[in-house]
C-alpha atoms as a PDB file:
ATOM      1  CA  MET A   1     -10.807  -8.677   5.730  1.00  0.00           C
ATOM      2  CA  LEU A   2      -7.020  -8.972   7.124  1.00  0.00           C
ATOM      3  CA  GLN A   3      -6.100 -10.026  10.550  1.00  0.00           C
ATOM      4  CA  ILE A   4      -2.369  -9.269  11.781  1.00  0.00           C
ATOM      5  CA  GLN A   5      -2.286 -11.815  14.930  1.00  0.00           C
ATOM      6  CA  ASP A   6       1.197 -11.093  17.385  1.00  0.00           C
ATOM      7  CA  LEU A   7       3.032 -10.934  14.473  1.00  0.00           C
ATOM      8  CA  VAL A   8       6.856 -11.642  15.149  1.00  0.00           C
ATOM      9  CA  VAL A   9       9.462 -10.664  12.820  1.00  0.00           C
ATOM     10  CA  ASN A  10      13.536 -11.395  13.406  1.00  0.00           C
ATOM     11  CA  TYR A  11      16.125 -10.180  11.343  1.00  0.00           C
ATOM     12  CA  GLY A  12      19.003 -12.479  12.883  1.00  0.00           C
ATOM     13  CA  GLN A  13      19.116 -11.297  16.345  1.00  0.00           C
ATOM     14  CA  ILE A  14      17.430  -7.999  15.657  1.00  0.00           C
ATOM     15  CA  SER A  15      13.587  -7.804  16.448  1.00  0.00           C
ATOM     16  CA  ALA A  16      11.712  -5.997  13.600  1.00  0.00           C
ATOM     17  CA  LEU A  17       8.198  -6.795  14.819  1.00  0.00           C
ATOM     18  CA  ARG A  18       7.361  -7.903  18.559  1.00  0.00           C
ATOM     19  CA  GLY A  19       4.182  -9.059  18.551  1.00  0.00           C
ATOM     20  CA  ILE A  20       1.787  -6.522  16.336  1.00  0.00           C
ATOM     21  CA  SER A  21      -1.604  -7.274  16.309  1.00  0.00           C
ATOM     22  CA  PHE A  22      -4.097  -4.786  13.753  1.00  0.00           C
ATOM     23  CA  GLN A  23      -7.109  -5.745  11.723  1.00  0.00           C
ATOM     24  CA  VAL A  24      -7.795  -3.972   8.105  1.00  0.00           C
ATOM     25  CA  PRO A  25     -11.613  -4.176   7.414  1.00  0.00           C
ATOM     26  CA  ASP A  26     -13.355  -4.208   3.941  1.00  0.00           C
ATOM     27  CA  ARG A  27     -13.017  -1.086   1.413  1.00  0.00           C
ATOM     28  CA  SER A  28     -11.313   1.297   4.269  1.00  0.00           C
ATOM     29  CA  ILE A  29      -8.164   2.984   4.248  1.00  0.00           C
ATOM     30  CA  VAL A  30      -5.642   1.915   7.167  1.00  0.00           C
ATOM     31  CA  ALA A  31      -2.522   3.462   8.233  1.00  0.00           C
ATOM     32  CA  LEU A  32       0.661   2.438   9.733  1.00  0.00           C
ATOM     33  CA  ILE A  33       2.611   5.388  10.710  1.00  0.00           C
ATOM     34  CA  GLY A  34       6.048   5.796  12.535  1.00  0.00           C
ATOM     35  CA  ALA A  35       9.537   6.590  12.162  1.00  0.00           C
ATOM     36  CA  ASN A  36      12.294   5.044  10.388  1.00  0.00           C
ATOM     37  CA  GLY A  37      13.190   1.589  11.500  1.00  0.00           C
ATOM     38  CA  ALA A  38       9.611   1.320  13.155  1.00  0.00           C
ATOM     39  CA  GLY A  39       8.600  -1.817  11.515  1.00  0.00           C
ATOM     40  CA  LYS A  40       6.244  -0.379   8.674  1.00  0.00           C
ATOM     41  CA  THR A  41       7.485  -1.638   5.530  1.00  0.00           C
ATOM     42  CA  THR A  42       8.447  -5.140   7.317  1.00  0.00           C
ATOM     43  CA  SER A  43       5.016  -5.624   8.305  1.00  0.00           C
ATOM     44  CA  LEU A  44       3.961  -5.455   4.462  1.00  0.00           C
ATOM     45  CA  MET A  45       6.853  -7.414   3.383  1.00  0.00           C
ATOM     46  CA  ALA A  46       5.372 -10.028   5.992  1.00  0.00           C
ATOM     47  CA  ILE A  47       1.801  -9.837   4.819  1.00  0.00           C
ATOM     48  CA  SER A  48       3.308 -10.206   1.084  1.00  0.00           C
ATOM     49  CA  GLY A  49       5.436 -13.241   1.999  1.00  0.00           C
ATOM     50  CA  MET A  50       8.598 -11.458   1.294  1.00  0.00           C
ATOM     51  CA  VAL A  51      10.289 -12.357   4.844  1.00  0.00           C
ATOM     52  CA  ASP A  52       9.677 -15.131   7.255  1.00  0.00           C
ATOM     53  CA  VAL A  53       7.682 -14.630  10.083  1.00  0.00           C
ATOM     54  CA  THR A  54       8.844 -16.046  13.362  1.00  0.00           C
ATOM     55  CA  SER A  55       5.192 -16.449  15.314  1.00  0.00           C
ATOM     56  CA  GLY A  56       2.007 -14.824  15.085  1.00  0.00           C
ATOM     57  CA  ARG A  57      -0.572 -15.413  12.275  1.00  0.00           C
ATOM     58  CA  ILE A  58      -1.668 -13.493   9.094  1.00  0.00           C
ATOM     59  CA  ILE A  59      -5.374 -14.243   8.339  1.00  0.00           C
ATOM     60  CA  LEU A  60      -7.222 -13.308   4.932  1.00  0.00           C
ATOM     61  CA  ASP A  61     -10.766 -13.748   5.614  1.00  0.00           C
ATOM     62  CA  ASN A  62     -10.855 -17.250   7.475  1.00  0.00           C
ATOM     63  CA  LEU A  63      -7.672 -18.623   5.521  1.00  0.00           C
ATOM     64  CA  ASP A  64      -4.050 -18.663   7.491  1.00  0.00           C
ATOM     65  CA  ILE A  65      -1.559 -17.245   4.754  1.00  0.00           C
ATOM     66  CA  THR A  66       1.208 -16.884   7.167  1.00  0.00           C
ATOM     67  CA  ASP A  67       3.357 -19.357   5.051  1.00  0.00           C
ATOM     68  CA  CYS A  68       2.039 -18.794   1.696  1.00  0.00           C
ATOM     69  CA  LYS A  69       4.276 -18.295  -1.093  1.00  0.00           C
ATOM     70  CA  PRO A  70       4.672 -14.250  -2.406  1.00  0.00           C
ATOM     71  CA  SER A  71       2.612 -15.667  -6.058  1.00  0.00           C
ATOM     72  CA  THR A  72      -0.235 -17.628  -3.667  1.00  0.00           C
ATOM     73  CA  ILE A  73      -0.582 -14.376  -2.054  1.00  0.00           C
ATOM     74  CA  VAL A  74      -1.185 -12.338  -5.026  1.00  0.00           C
ATOM     75  CA  SER A  75      -3.251 -14.863  -6.525  1.00  0.00           C
ATOM     76  CA  LEU A  76      -5.531 -14.294  -3.129  1.00  0.00           C
ATOM     77  CA  GLY A  77      -5.643 -10.927  -3.748  1.00  0.00           C
ATOM     78  CA  ILE A  78      -2.906  -8.890  -2.183  1.00  0.00           C
ATOM     79  CA  CYS A  79      -1.111  -6.478  -3.891  1.00  0.00           C
ATOM     80  CA  GLN A  80       1.980  -4.302  -2.944  1.00  0.00           C
ATOM     81  CA  VAL A  81       3.382  -1.233  -4.389  1.00  0.00           C
ATOM     82  CA  PRO A  82       6.751  -0.842  -3.437  1.00  0.00           C
ATOM     83  CA  GLU A  83       8.701   2.326  -2.121  1.00  0.00           C
ATOM     84  CA  GLY A  84      10.276   3.989  -4.866  1.00  0.00           C
ATOM     85  CA  ARG A  85       7.711   3.147  -7.593  1.00  0.00           C
ATOM     86  CA  HIS A  86       9.794   0.644  -9.541  1.00  0.00           C
ATOM     87  CA  VAL A  87       8.125   1.038 -12.715  1.00  0.00           C
ATOM     88  CA  PHE A  88       9.696  -0.661 -15.981  1.00  0.00           C
ATOM     89  CA  PRO A  89      11.291   2.353 -17.529  1.00  0.00           C
ATOM     90  CA  GLU A  90      11.929   0.839 -20.655  1.00  0.00           C
ATOM     91  CA  LEU A  91       8.255   0.341 -21.285  1.00  0.00           C
ATOM     92  CA  THR A  92       5.471   2.629 -22.194  1.00  0.00           C
ATOM     93  CA  VAL A  93       2.650   3.599 -19.886  1.00  0.00           C
ATOM     94  CA  TYR A  94       0.383   1.271 -21.574  1.00  0.00           C
ATOM     95  CA  GLU A  95       2.789  -1.623 -21.430  1.00  0.00           C
ATOM     96  CA  ASN A  96       3.626  -0.995 -17.802  1.00  0.00           C
ATOM     97  CA  LEU A  97      -0.406  -1.723 -17.190  1.00  0.00           C
ATOM     98  CA  VAL A  98      -0.289  -4.572 -19.164  1.00  0.00           C
ATOM     99  CA  ALA A  99       2.391  -6.171 -16.934  1.00  0.00           C
ATOM    100  CA  GLY A 100       0.291  -5.696 -14.010  1.00  0.00           C
ATOM    101  CA  ALA A 101      -2.238  -8.242 -15.208  1.00  0.00           C
ATOM    102  CA  VAL A 102       0.526 -10.721 -16.043  1.00  0.00           C
ATOM    103  CA  SER A 103      -0.307 -12.555 -12.771  1.00  0.00           C
ATOM    104  CA  CYS A 104      -4.178 -13.215 -14.164  1.00  0.00           C
ATOM    105  CA  LYS A 105      -3.794 -16.049 -16.431  1.00  0.00           C
ATOM    106  CA  ASN A 106      -7.369 -16.335 -17.590  1.00  0.00           C
ATOM    107  CA  LEU A 107      -7.970 -12.819 -18.469  1.00  0.00           C
ATOM    108  CA  LYS A 108      -9.274 -11.976 -21.622  1.00  0.00           C
ATOM    109  CA  LYS A 109      -8.581  -9.610 -24.510  1.00  0.00           C
ATOM    110  CA  ALA A 110     -11.910  -7.536 -23.409  1.00  0.00           C
ATOM    111  CA  GLN A 111     -10.878  -7.987 -19.574  1.00  0.00           C
ATOM    112  CA  LEU A 112      -7.371  -6.669 -19.994  1.00  0.00           C
ATOM    113  CA  THR A 113      -9.242  -3.817 -22.313  1.00  0.00           C
ATOM    114  CA  GLU A 114     -11.776  -2.851 -19.752  1.00  0.00           C
ATOM    115  CA  ARG A 115      -9.384  -3.085 -16.635  1.00  0.00           C
ATOM    116  CA  ILE A 116      -6.861  -0.709 -18.377  1.00  0.00           C
ATOM    117  CA  GLU A 117      -9.875   2.134 -19.225  1.00  0.00           C
ATOM    118  CA  ALA A 118     -10.551   1.857 -15.612  1.00  0.00           C
ATOM    119  CA  GLN A 119      -7.106   2.977 -14.891  1.00  0.00           C
ATOM    120  CA  PHE A 120      -7.298   5.730 -17.622  1.00  0.00           C
ATOM    121  CA  ASP A 121     -10.922   6.936 -15.637  1.00  0.00           C
ATOM    122  CA  LEU A 122      -8.794   7.085 -12.414  1.00  0.00           C
ATOM    123  CA  PHE A 123      -5.595   8.530 -13.682  1.00  0.00           C
ATOM    124  CA  PRO A 124      -6.159  10.800 -16.724  1.00  0.00           C
ATOM    125  CA  ARG A 125      -2.781  11.967 -16.930  1.00  0.00           C
ATOM    126  CA  LEU A 126      -1.803   8.226 -17.716  1.00  0.00           C
ATOM    127  CA  LYS A 127      -4.384   8.058 -20.623  1.00  0.00           C
ATOM    128  CA  GLU A 128      -2.419  11.149 -21.986  1.00  0.00           C
ATOM    129  CA  ARG A 129       0.873   9.555 -21.689  1.00  0.00           C
ATOM    130  CA  LYS A 130      -0.002   6.002 -22.484  1.00  0.00           C
ATOM    131  CA  SER A 131       2.327   5.911 -25.453  1.00  0.00           C
ATOM    132  CA  GLN A 132       5.162   7.512 -23.304  1.00  0.00           C
ATOM    133  CA  MET A 133       8.292   5.637 -22.028  1.00  0.00           C
ATOM    134  CA  ALA A 134       7.766   5.402 -17.958  1.00  0.00           C
ATOM    135  CA  GLY A 135      11.042   6.455 -17.573  1.00  0.00           C
ATOM    136  CA  THR A 136      10.805   9.759 -19.021  1.00  0.00           C
ATOM    137  CA  MET A 137       7.577  10.763 -16.783  1.00  0.00           C
ATOM    138  CA  SER A 138       8.132  12.724 -13.670  1.00  0.00           C
ATOM    139  CA  GLY A 139       8.222  10.888 -10.348  1.00  0.00           C
ATOM    140  CA  GLY A 140       4.304  11.890  -9.619  1.00  0.00           C
ATOM    141  CA  GLU A 141       3.205  10.228 -12.956  1.00  0.00           C
ATOM    142  CA  GLN A 142       5.747   7.347 -12.190  1.00  0.00           C
ATOM    143  CA  GLN A 143       3.620   7.243  -8.729  1.00  0.00           C
ATOM    144  CA  MET A 144       0.450   7.229 -10.303  1.00  0.00           C
ATOM    145  CA  LEU A 145       1.241   4.516 -12.919  1.00  0.00           C
ATOM    146  CA  ALA A 146       2.940   2.164 -10.234  1.00  0.00           C
ATOM    147  CA  ILE A 147      -0.354   2.308  -8.363  1.00  0.00           C
ATOM    148  CA  ALA A 148      -2.513   1.947 -11.510  1.00  0.00           C
ATOM    149  CA  ARG A 149      -0.437  -1.282 -12.394  1.00  0.00           C
ATOM    150  CA  GLY A 150      -0.928  -2.542  -9.002  1.00  0.00           C
ATOM    151  CA  LEU A 151      -4.722  -1.985  -9.456  1.00  0.00           C
ATOM    152  CA  MET A 152      -4.586  -4.283 -12.956  1.00  0.00           C
ATOM    153  CA  SER A 153      -4.387  -7.435 -11.125  1.00  0.00           C
ATOM    154  CA  ASP A 154      -7.797  -6.378  -9.650  1.00  0.00           C
ATOM    155  CA  PRO A 155      -6.749  -6.990  -5.864  1.00  0.00           C
ATOM    156  CA  ARG A 156      -9.034  -7.003  -2.629  1.00  0.00           C
ATOM    157  CA  ILE A 157      -6.248  -5.477  -1.055  1.00  0.00           C
ATOM    158  CA  LEU A 158      -3.628  -2.734  -2.011  1.00  0.00           C
ATOM    159  CA  MET A 159      -0.743  -2.210   0.211  1.00  0.00           C
ATOM    160  CA  LEU A 160       0.872   1.437  -0.645  1.00  0.00           C
ATOM    161  CA  ASP A 161       4.688   1.752   1.128  1.00  0.00           C
ATOM    162  CA  GLU A 162       5.326   5.469   1.127  1.00  0.00           C
ATOM    163  CA  PRO A 163       3.522   6.588  -2.020  1.00  0.00           C
ATOM    164  CA  SER A 164       5.066  10.248  -1.154  1.00  0.00           C
ATOM    165  CA  LEU A 165       8.610   9.622  -1.029  1.00  0.00           C
ATOM    166  CA  GLY A 166      10.660  12.442  -2.823  1.00  0.00           C
ATOM    167  CA  LEU A 167       7.221  13.901  -4.385  1.00  0.00           C
ATOM    168  CA  ALA A 168       6.592  17.840  -4.426  1.00  0.00           C
ATOM    169  CA  PRO A 169       3.469  19.086  -1.810  1.00  0.00           C
ATOM    170  CA  ILE A 170       0.858  19.616  -5.015  1.00  0.00           C
ATOM    171  CA  ILE A 171       1.632  16.096  -6.344  1.00  0.00           C
ATOM    172  CA  VAL A 172       1.337  14.537  -3.226  1.00  0.00           C
ATOM    173  CA  GLU A 173      -2.131  15.571  -2.339  1.00  0.00           C
ATOM    174  CA  GLU A 174      -3.366  14.952  -5.976  1.00  0.00           C
ATOM    175  CA  ILE A 175      -1.583  11.204  -5.100  1.00  0.00           C
ATOM    176  CA  PHE A 176      -3.706  11.142  -1.523  1.00  0.00           C
ATOM    177  CA  ASN A 177      -7.052  12.159  -3.628  1.00  0.00           C
ATOM    178  CA  MET A 178      -6.341   9.398  -5.965  1.00  0.00           C
ATOM    179  CA  ILE A 179      -5.875   6.733  -2.979  1.00  0.00           C
ATOM    180  CA  GLU A 180      -9.109   7.721  -1.677  1.00  0.00           C
ATOM    181  CA  LYS A 181     -10.981   7.120  -4.706  1.00  0.00           C
ATOM    182  CA  VAL A 182      -9.059   3.450  -4.746  1.00  0.00           C
ATOM    183  CA  ARG A 183     -11.116   3.218  -1.423  1.00  0.00           C
ATOM    184  CA  ASP A 184     -13.951   4.427  -2.635  1.00  0.00           C
ATOM    185  CA  ALA A 185     -14.173   2.426  -5.687  1.00  0.00           C
ATOM    186  CA  GLY A 186     -14.561  -0.653  -3.559  1.00  0.00           C
ATOM    187  CA  LYS A 187     -11.036  -1.483  -2.741  1.00  0.00           C
ATOM    188  CA  THR A 188      -9.011  -1.840   0.607  1.00  0.00           C
ATOM    189  CA  VAL A 189      -5.850   0.185   1.170  1.00  0.00           C
ATOM    190  CA  LEU A 190      -3.402  -0.494   3.798  1.00  0.00           C
ATOM    191  CA  LEU A 191      -1.214   2.763   3.525  1.00  0.00           C
ATOM    192  CA  ILE A 192       2.481   2.933   4.931  1.00  0.00           C
ATOM    193  CA  GLU A 193       3.368   6.828   5.017  1.00  0.00           C
ATOM    194  CA  GLN A 194       5.911   8.841   6.993  1.00  0.00           C
ATOM    195  CA  ASN A 195       3.641  11.833   6.038  1.00  0.00           C
ATOM    196  CA  ALA A 196       1.477  11.190   9.145  1.00  0.00           C
ATOM    197  CA  SER A 197      -0.813  14.192   8.896  1.00  0.00           C
ATOM    198  CA  LEU A 198      -1.619  13.657   4.998  1.00  0.00           C
ATOM    199  CA  ALA A 199      -1.901   9.984   6.238  1.00  0.00           C
ATOM    200  CA  LEU A 200      -4.281  10.507   9.284  1.00  0.00           C
ATOM    201  CA  GLN A 201      -6.771  12.802   7.138  1.00  0.00           C
ATOM    202  CA  ILE A 202      -7.599   9.900   4.547  1.00  0.00           C
ATOM    203  CA  SER A 203      -7.633   6.656   6.730  1.00  0.00           C
ATOM    204  CA  ASP A 204     -10.573   5.182   8.357  1.00  0.00           C
ATOM    205  CA  TYR A 205      -8.412   3.864  10.942  1.00  0.00           C
ATOM    206  CA  ALA A 206      -4.594   4.198  11.856  1.00  0.00           C
ATOM    207  CA  TYR A 207      -1.992   2.569  13.821  1.00  0.00           C
ATOM    208  CA  ALA A 208       1.424   4.096  15.289  1.00  0.00           C
ATOM    209  CA  LEU A 209       4.203   1.956  15.284  1.00  0.00           C
ATOM    210  CA  GLU A 210       7.748   2.507  17.273  1.00  0.00           C
ATOM    211  CA  LEU A 211      10.317   0.251  17.708  1.00  0.00           C
ATOM    212  CA  GLY A 212       8.296  -3.009  16.408  1.00  0.00           C
ATOM    213  CA  ARG A 213       5.257  -2.367  18.389  1.00  0.00           C
ATOM    214  CA  ILE A 214       1.944  -0.736  18.008  1.00  0.00           C
ATOM    215  CA  ARG A 215       1.975   2.399  20.166  1.00  0.00           C
ATOM    216  CA  LEU A 216      -1.331   4.104  19.772  1.00  0.00           C
ATOM    217  CA  PHE A 217      -4.334   3.199  17.359  1.00  0.00           C
ATOM    218  CA  GLY A 218      -7.817   4.140  16.533  1.00  0.00           C
ATOM    219  CA  THR A 219      -9.795   6.036  13.572  1.00  0.00           C
ATOM    220  CA  GLY A 220      -7.926   8.488  11.482  1.00  0.00           C
ATOM    221  CA  LYS A 221      -9.593  11.529  12.987  1.00  0.00           C
ATOM    222  CA  GLU A 222      -9.016  10.484  16.604  1.00  0.00           C
ATOM    223  CA  LEU A 223      -5.321   9.916  16.190  1.00  0.00           C
ATOM    224  CA  LEU A 224      -5.041  13.152  14.208  1.00  0.00           C
ATOM    225  CA  ALA A 225      -6.359  14.918  17.170  1.00  0.00           C
ATOM    226  CA  SER A 226      -4.376  13.149  20.011  1.00  0.00           C
ATOM    227  CA  ASP A 227      -1.761  15.099  21.684  1.00  0.00           C
ATOM    228  CA  GLU A 228       0.635  12.379  21.982  1.00  0.00           C
ATOM    229  CA  ILE A 229       0.452  11.868  18.112  1.00  0.00           C
ATOM    230  CA  ARG A 230       0.687  15.936  17.368  1.00  0.00           C
ATOM    231  CA  SER A 231       3.619  15.947  19.408  1.00  0.00           C
ATOM    232  CA  ILE A 232       5.682  12.628  18.650  1.00  0.00           C
ATOM    233  CA  TYR A 233       4.706  12.729  14.676  1.00  0.00           C
ATOM    234  CA  LEU A 234       3.477  15.821  13.640  1.00  0.00           C
ATOM    235  CA  GLY A 235       6.313  17.840  15.113  1.00  0.00           C
ATOM    236  CA  GLU A 236       4.007  20.162  17.123  1.00  0.00           C
ATOM    237  CA  ALA A 237       4.308  21.473  20.742  1.00  0.00           C
END
């Protein structure tokens, strides 16, 4: 579905991405793992059209979207849930979900209701708190809401930037179970995650980035079993 070809992104004199290439197949979870500064978030920002691409191409199906505006990229079915959740704290859960569909200009009321109910089926805790102000929710609940809000635009590809950041381990496990459910419901997920072990456990494919280059790639299981990955990214001897 999505192909990244020889992508280069520079911030002034600093090379953030140095010619990376990877693919995101339809209805799969693809993880990008690596330390801070490896180029993970820059990859998502480039795909979203939020940073300028120096060279290389981003192909969605057979369409070159490298130089498209962010609004166009959203309309083509790519949605990014940024690091840090960024829910609307003074809106209710329900209102946050409605805001997630604002880009769908021709969406009818019945369709909107159907999408909201689909999110409540996927995230039952949100249904229990649909009238609660988002800013009063726990970090884990806000992360669920951020993902659900992203799904309200009915994207083909959902890009998640560090969904486990700052959450308790038991909540992280719940979030990752829900990411698998998103994939199983027919969505494609591009996942950035510093918790390499968990990311690799749920990923169909994974790429390990280091200083703007891809160091290793393979299936999630292959990388999880790799001695190099276990030593560098999982902290195992």
